[in-house]
N, C-alpha and C. Protein backbone atom coordinates (compact mmCIF):
# COMPACT_ATOMS: atom_id res chain seq x y z
N MET A 1 3.85 4.29 -30.14
CA MET A 1 3.19 3.52 -29.59
C MET A 1 2.91 3.14 -28.06
N LYS A 2 4.31 2.31 -28.05
CA LYS A 2 4.52 1.72 -26.65
C LYS A 2 4.92 2.85 -25.78
N LEU A 3 5.39 3.85 -26.09
CA LEU A 3 5.73 5.08 -24.93
C LEU A 3 4.56 5.72 -24.67
N LEU A 4 3.55 5.88 -25.50
CA LEU A 4 2.33 6.43 -25.09
C LEU A 4 1.49 5.50 -24.03
N ILE A 5 1.55 4.53 -24.56
CA ILE A 5 0.95 3.46 -23.52
C ILE A 5 1.70 3.29 -22.08
N ALA A 6 3.12 3.59 -22.16
CA ALA A 6 3.75 3.41 -20.75
C ALA A 6 3.54 4.59 -19.86
N ALA A 7 3.52 5.90 -20.87
CA ALA A 7 3.12 7.27 -20.35
C ALA A 7 2.00 7.06 -19.61
N VAL A 8 0.80 6.73 -20.24
CA VAL A 8 -0.62 6.56 -19.70
C VAL A 8 -0.55 5.70 -18.30
N PHE A 9 0.20 4.56 -18.47
CA PHE A 9 0.04 3.62 -17.31
C PHE A 9 0.98 4.44 -15.90
N ALA A 10 1.91 5.00 -16.34
CA ALA A 10 2.61 5.97 -15.24
C ALA A 10 1.59 6.86 -14.71
N LEU A 11 0.82 7.81 -15.23
CA LEU A 11 0.21 8.56 -14.91
C LEU A 11 -0.87 7.95 -14.03
N THR A 12 -1.42 6.84 -14.66
CA THR A 12 -2.72 6.31 -14.19
C THR A 12 -2.18 5.69 -12.53
N SER A 13 -1.18 5.35 -12.63
CA SER A 13 -0.60 4.62 -11.41
C SER A 13 0.07 5.54 -10.14
N THR A 14 0.27 6.84 -10.87
CA THR A 14 0.59 7.95 -10.02
C THR A 14 -0.76 8.66 -9.49
N VAL A 15 -1.52 8.66 -10.09
CA VAL A 15 -3.11 9.17 -9.71
C VAL A 15 -3.88 8.17 -8.83
N SER A 16 -3.50 7.05 -9.19
CA SER A 16 -4.18 6.09 -8.48
C SER A 16 -3.98 5.75 -6.98
N PHE A 17 -2.79 6.03 -6.73
CA PHE A 17 -1.95 5.95 -5.48
C PHE A 17 -1.69 7.44 -4.79
N ALA A 18 -2.44 8.18 -5.20
CA ALA A 18 -2.27 9.69 -4.54
C ALA A 18 -2.88 9.66 -3.17
N SER A 19 -4.00 8.76 -2.91
CA SER A 19 -4.51 9.13 -1.47
C SER A 19 -3.44 8.12 -0.58
N LEU A 20 -2.90 7.15 -1.01
CA LEU A 20 -1.83 6.57 -0.06
C LEU A 20 -1.06 7.74 0.72
N ARG A 21 -0.61 8.74 -0.33
CA ARG A 21 0.08 9.52 0.43
C ARG A 21 -0.17 10.34 1.33
N GLN A 22 -1.30 10.35 1.32
CA GLN A 22 -2.19 11.30 2.48
C GLN A 22 -2.16 10.39 4.05
N THR A 23 -2.00 9.23 3.67
CA THR A 23 -2.16 8.37 5.08
C THR A 23 -0.82 8.68 6.26
N GLY A 24 -0.09 9.38 5.58
CA GLY A 24 1.09 9.83 6.95
C GLY A 24 1.81 8.38 6.86
N TYR A 25 1.96 7.49 6.04
CA TYR A 25 3.01 6.31 5.85
C TYR A 25 4.33 6.92 5.45
N GLU A 26 5.27 6.25 5.64
CA GLU A 26 6.49 6.51 4.90
C GLU A 26 6.75 6.00 3.79
N ALA A 27 7.59 6.33 2.84
CA ALA A 27 7.52 6.43 1.40
C ALA A 27 7.86 5.04 1.33
N ARG A 28 8.69 4.45 1.80
CA ARG A 28 9.14 3.03 1.70
C ARG A 28 7.77 2.06 2.05
N HIS A 29 6.81 2.59 2.89
CA HIS A 29 5.65 1.52 2.98
C HIS A 29 5.03 2.05 1.95
N ILE A 30 4.71 2.99 1.93
CA ILE A 30 3.65 3.11 0.53
C ILE A 30 4.10 2.71 -0.73
N ALA A 31 5.43 2.73 -1.06
CA ALA A 31 6.04 1.95 -2.21
C ALA A 31 5.61 0.16 -2.28
N LYS A 32 5.74 -0.32 -1.04
CA LYS A 32 5.44 -1.87 -0.58
C LYS A 32 4.11 -2.05 -0.83
N ILE A 33 3.16 -1.38 -0.30
CA ILE A 33 1.60 -1.25 -0.48
C ILE A 33 1.30 -0.88 -1.75
N GLU A 34 2.14 -0.24 -2.69
CA GLU A 34 1.54 0.22 -3.84
C GLU A 34 2.08 -1.20 -4.84
N LYS A 35 2.95 -1.68 -4.69
CA LYS A 35 3.26 -2.81 -5.35
C LYS A 35 2.60 -4.11 -5.55
N ALA A 36 2.30 -4.48 -4.04
CA ALA A 36 1.37 -5.52 -3.67
C ALA A 36 -0.17 -5.23 -3.98
N ILE A 37 -0.99 -4.35 -4.18
CA ILE A 37 -1.89 -4.08 -4.71
C ILE A 37 -1.80 -4.16 -6.52
N LEU A 38 -0.84 -3.64 -6.89
CA LEU A 38 -0.81 -3.92 -8.38
C LEU A 38 -0.41 -5.56 -8.63
N LYS A 39 0.19 -6.17 -7.92
CA LYS A 39 0.39 -7.41 -8.40
C LYS A 39 -0.72 -8.11 -7.90
N GLN A 40 -1.56 -7.87 -6.85
CA GLN A 40 -2.68 -8.95 -6.36
C GLN A 40 -3.96 -8.47 -7.01
N CYS A 41 -4.15 -7.07 -7.17
CA CYS A 41 -5.57 -6.61 -7.79
C CYS A 41 -5.54 -6.18 -9.29
N GLY A 42 -4.27 -5.70 -9.73
CA GLY A 42 -4.22 -4.88 -11.01
C GLY A 42 -4.35 -3.68 -10.69
N PRO A 43 -4.08 -2.77 -11.82
CA PRO A 43 -4.01 -1.04 -11.74
C PRO A 43 -5.56 -1.10 -11.50
N MET A 44 -5.80 0.06 -10.04
CA MET A 44 -6.72 0.55 -9.65
C MET A 44 -7.13 1.91 -9.87
N LEU A 45 -8.17 2.53 -10.25
CA LEU A 45 -8.03 4.08 -10.55
C LEU A 45 -8.90 4.65 -9.24
N GLY A 46 -8.51 5.87 -9.06
CA GLY A 46 -9.18 6.62 -7.96
C GLY A 46 -9.02 5.98 -6.68
N LEU A 47 -7.89 5.23 -5.95
CA LEU A 47 -7.97 4.87 -4.86
C LEU A 47 -8.44 5.68 -3.74
N ASP A 48 -9.30 5.64 -2.83
CA ASP A 48 -9.28 6.65 -1.77
C ASP A 48 -9.50 5.94 -0.44
N LEU A 49 -8.93 6.49 0.49
CA LEU A 49 -8.67 5.83 1.97
C LEU A 49 -9.93 5.93 2.41
N ILE A 50 -10.55 4.72 2.90
CA ILE A 50 -11.62 4.60 3.69
C ILE A 50 -11.29 4.55 5.40
N SER A 51 -10.07 3.67 5.62
CA SER A 51 -9.67 3.61 7.03
C SER A 51 -8.23 3.13 7.11
N LYS A 52 -7.61 3.44 8.34
CA LYS A 52 -6.51 2.88 8.63
C LYS A 52 -6.40 2.63 10.15
N PHE A 53 -5.67 1.56 10.52
CA PHE A 53 -5.45 0.95 12.11
C PHE A 53 -3.84 0.98 11.95
N GLU A 54 -3.51 1.43 13.31
CA GLU A 54 -2.28 0.77 13.61
C GLU A 54 -2.23 0.04 15.18
N ARG A 55 -1.37 -0.82 14.90
CA ARG A 55 -1.23 -1.36 16.60
C ARG A 55 0.07 -1.83 17.01
N VAL A 56 0.46 -0.95 17.84
CA VAL A 56 1.98 -1.00 18.30
C VAL A 56 2.29 -1.98 19.17
N VAL A 57 3.53 -2.90 18.83
CA VAL A 57 3.58 -3.91 19.99
C VAL A 57 5.23 -3.44 20.43
N HIS A 58 5.28 -3.15 21.63
CA HIS A 58 6.52 -2.80 22.41
C HIS A 58 7.06 -4.21 22.39
N VAL A 59 8.35 -4.46 22.00
CA VAL A 59 9.01 -5.80 22.05
C VAL A 59 10.00 -5.73 23.43
N ASP A 60 10.76 -4.47 23.53
CA ASP A 60 11.79 -4.88 24.32
C ASP A 60 12.81 -3.60 24.04
N GLN A 61 13.04 -2.87 25.21
CA GLN A 61 14.09 -1.95 25.31
C GLN A 61 13.99 -0.72 24.31
N GLY A 62 12.54 -0.24 23.90
CA GLY A 62 12.42 0.52 23.16
C GLY A 62 12.23 0.09 21.61
N ILE A 63 12.49 -1.29 21.64
CA ILE A 63 12.06 -2.03 20.25
C ILE A 63 10.48 -2.01 20.12
N ARG A 64 9.96 -1.68 18.96
CA ARG A 64 8.68 -1.71 18.65
C ARG A 64 8.33 -2.13 17.26
N ASP A 65 7.41 -3.07 17.24
CA ASP A 65 6.95 -3.51 15.87
C ASP A 65 5.27 -2.89 15.66
N VAL A 66 4.86 -2.48 14.28
CA VAL A 66 3.60 -1.85 14.38
C VAL A 66 3.15 -2.60 13.05
N TYR A 67 1.94 -3.02 13.38
CA TYR A 67 0.77 -3.85 12.46
C TYR A 67 -0.20 -2.73 12.04
N TYR A 68 -0.19 -2.86 10.59
CA TYR A 68 -1.45 -2.04 9.96
C TYR A 68 -2.32 -2.69 8.99
N VAL A 69 -3.40 -2.11 9.17
CA VAL A 69 -4.55 -2.35 8.49
C VAL A 69 -5.00 -1.16 7.58
N THR A 70 -5.04 -1.33 6.13
CA THR A 70 -5.31 -0.12 5.73
C THR A 70 -6.60 -0.39 4.72
N VAL A 71 -7.49 0.41 4.49
CA VAL A 71 -9.01 -0.07 3.77
C VAL A 71 -8.84 1.01 2.76
N LEU A 72 -9.01 0.65 1.35
CA LEU A 72 -9.29 1.52 0.50
C LEU A 72 -10.13 1.10 -0.66
N ARG A 73 -10.86 2.04 -1.43
CA ARG A 73 -11.82 1.84 -2.18
C ARG A 73 -11.14 2.24 -3.37
N GLY A 74 -11.06 1.23 -4.47
CA GLY A 74 -10.71 1.84 -5.95
C GLY A 74 -11.70 1.14 -6.89
N VAL A 75 -11.33 1.62 -8.25
CA VAL A 75 -12.19 1.26 -9.49
C VAL A 75 -11.29 0.72 -10.46
N GLN A 76 -12.11 -0.62 -11.08
CA GLN A 76 -11.38 -1.18 -11.81
C GLN A 76 -12.01 -1.83 -13.05
N ASN A 77 -12.35 -1.07 -14.36
CA ASN A 77 -13.46 -1.71 -15.18
C ASN A 77 -14.43 -1.11 -14.83
N ASN A 78 -14.75 -0.39 -14.37
CA ASN A 78 -16.42 0.63 -13.79
C ASN A 78 -16.70 -0.22 -12.75
N ILE A 79 -16.08 -1.13 -12.00
CA ILE A 79 -16.55 -1.97 -10.99
C ILE A 79 -15.56 -1.21 -9.52
N GLY A 80 -16.38 -1.06 -8.70
CA GLY A 80 -15.71 -0.56 -7.06
C GLY A 80 -15.33 -1.64 -6.59
N TYR A 81 -14.19 -1.81 -5.82
CA TYR A 81 -13.65 -2.82 -5.10
C TYR A 81 -13.29 -2.09 -3.49
N ASN A 82 -13.09 -2.82 -2.67
CA ASN A 82 -12.77 -2.77 -1.63
C ASN A 82 -11.40 -3.26 -1.47
N VAL A 83 -10.38 -2.78 -1.07
CA VAL A 83 -9.01 -3.15 -0.91
C VAL A 83 -8.24 -3.33 0.54
N LYS A 84 -8.33 -4.26 0.97
CA LYS A 84 -7.68 -4.37 2.62
C LYS A 84 -6.47 -4.78 2.41
N VAL A 85 -5.45 -3.94 3.07
CA VAL A 85 -3.95 -4.15 3.05
C VAL A 85 -3.60 -4.59 4.43
N ASN A 86 -2.96 -5.69 4.62
CA ASN A 86 -2.22 -5.84 5.96
C ASN A 86 -0.85 -5.86 6.09
N SER A 87 0.03 -4.89 6.71
CA SER A 87 1.14 -4.88 6.43
C SER A 87 1.72 -4.57 7.75
N SER A 88 3.16 -4.72 7.92
CA SER A 88 3.90 -4.48 9.25
C SER A 88 5.46 -3.71 8.99
N TYR A 89 5.86 -3.06 9.97
CA TYR A 89 7.04 -2.57 10.39
C TYR A 89 7.93 -3.21 11.24
N ALA A 90 8.80 -3.56 11.12
CA ALA A 90 9.81 -4.45 12.03
C ALA A 90 11.07 -3.31 12.55
N ASP A 91 11.20 -3.30 13.79
CA ASP A 91 12.25 -2.14 14.12
C ASP A 91 13.55 -3.14 13.93
N MET A 92 13.92 -2.92 13.04
CA MET A 92 15.38 -3.86 12.55
C MET A 92 15.82 -2.97 11.44
N TYR A 93 17.23 -3.54 11.03
CA TYR A 93 18.02 -2.91 9.65
C TYR A 93 17.28 -3.88 8.46
N ASP A 94 16.91 -2.81 7.47
CA ASP A 94 16.59 -3.55 6.38
C ASP A 94 17.62 -3.47 5.08
N HIS A 95 18.32 -4.83 4.97
CA HIS A 95 19.55 -4.81 4.28
C HIS A 95 19.24 -4.22 2.54
N SER A 96 17.95 -4.75 2.40
CA SER A 96 17.55 -4.42 0.85
C SER A 96 17.71 -2.96 0.72
N GLU A 97 16.96 -1.97 1.72
CA GLU A 97 16.76 -0.88 1.42
C GLU A 97 17.98 0.30 2.03
N GLN A 98 18.82 -0.68 2.82
CA GLN A 98 20.05 -0.25 3.68
C GLN A 98 19.45 1.10 4.31
N ASN A 99 18.38 0.98 5.05
CA ASN A 99 17.93 1.59 6.20
C ASN A 99 17.32 1.04 7.41
N TRP A 100 17.15 2.04 8.41
CA TRP A 100 16.48 1.19 9.62
C TRP A 100 15.26 1.20 9.45
N GLY A 101 14.35 0.11 9.81
CA GLY A 101 12.99 -0.12 9.78
C GLY A 101 12.75 -0.86 8.52
N ALA A 102 12.29 -2.26 8.57
CA ALA A 102 11.80 -2.86 7.75
C ALA A 102 10.38 -3.14 7.39
N TYR A 103 9.85 -2.67 6.23
CA TYR A 103 8.23 -2.97 6.10
C TYR A 103 7.89 -4.13 4.88
N SER A 104 6.78 -4.58 5.40
CA SER A 104 6.55 -5.96 4.78
C SER A 104 5.07 -5.88 4.48
N VAL A 105 4.46 -6.32 3.46
CA VAL A 105 2.89 -6.63 3.09
C VAL A 105 2.95 -8.08 3.31
N GLN A 106 1.73 -8.66 4.24
CA GLN A 106 1.45 -9.84 4.72
C GLN A 106 0.46 -10.18 3.55
N SER A 107 -0.94 -9.48 3.33
CA SER A 107 -1.74 -9.65 2.57
C SER A 107 -2.51 -8.59 1.83
N VAL A 108 -3.26 -8.72 0.72
CA VAL A 108 -3.89 -7.82 0.11
C VAL A 108 -5.45 -8.52 -0.34
N ASP A 109 -6.35 -8.11 -0.11
CA ASP A 109 -7.67 -8.72 -0.29
C ASP A 109 -8.34 -7.57 -1.14
N CYS A 110 -8.64 -7.82 -2.29
CA CYS A 110 -9.59 -6.91 -3.25
C CYS A 110 -10.82 -7.52 -3.59
N SER A 111 -12.17 -7.12 -2.97
CA SER A 111 -13.15 -7.90 -2.83
C SER A 111 -14.17 -6.68 -3.82
N SER A 112 -14.95 -7.28 -4.66
CA SER A 112 -15.80 -6.29 -5.59
C SER A 112 -17.05 -6.02 -4.67
N GLU A 113 -17.57 -4.75 -4.69
CA GLU A 113 -18.71 -4.03 -4.09
C GLU A 113 -20.14 -4.44 -4.66
N GLU A 114 -20.07 -5.70 -5.59
CA GLU A 114 -21.46 -6.02 -6.07
C GLU A 114 -21.81 -7.04 -5.29
């Protein structure tokens, strides 16, 4: 029974975040957003991309930071939600990922459409 529940959850989370893959964001960025949405809002079904905005800040000598605002629409318990995610990219080495460029999520706002 536990295996069945885990399989359904894994399938649901994969389907829910499918539209994030269409944003053009790097996989590490998408993973951070998925984790933050799950933590703040709980599991969402059928997430659809509504809009995305990127603001690039040129720091110095080719170094740049990028600030993202991603707006999604999802469903949880037959209630529609608007999910707004503020995230960023810092042009620095990410020691935890052992890769260049550190992604982080500053905030996730889940508000019902009711």
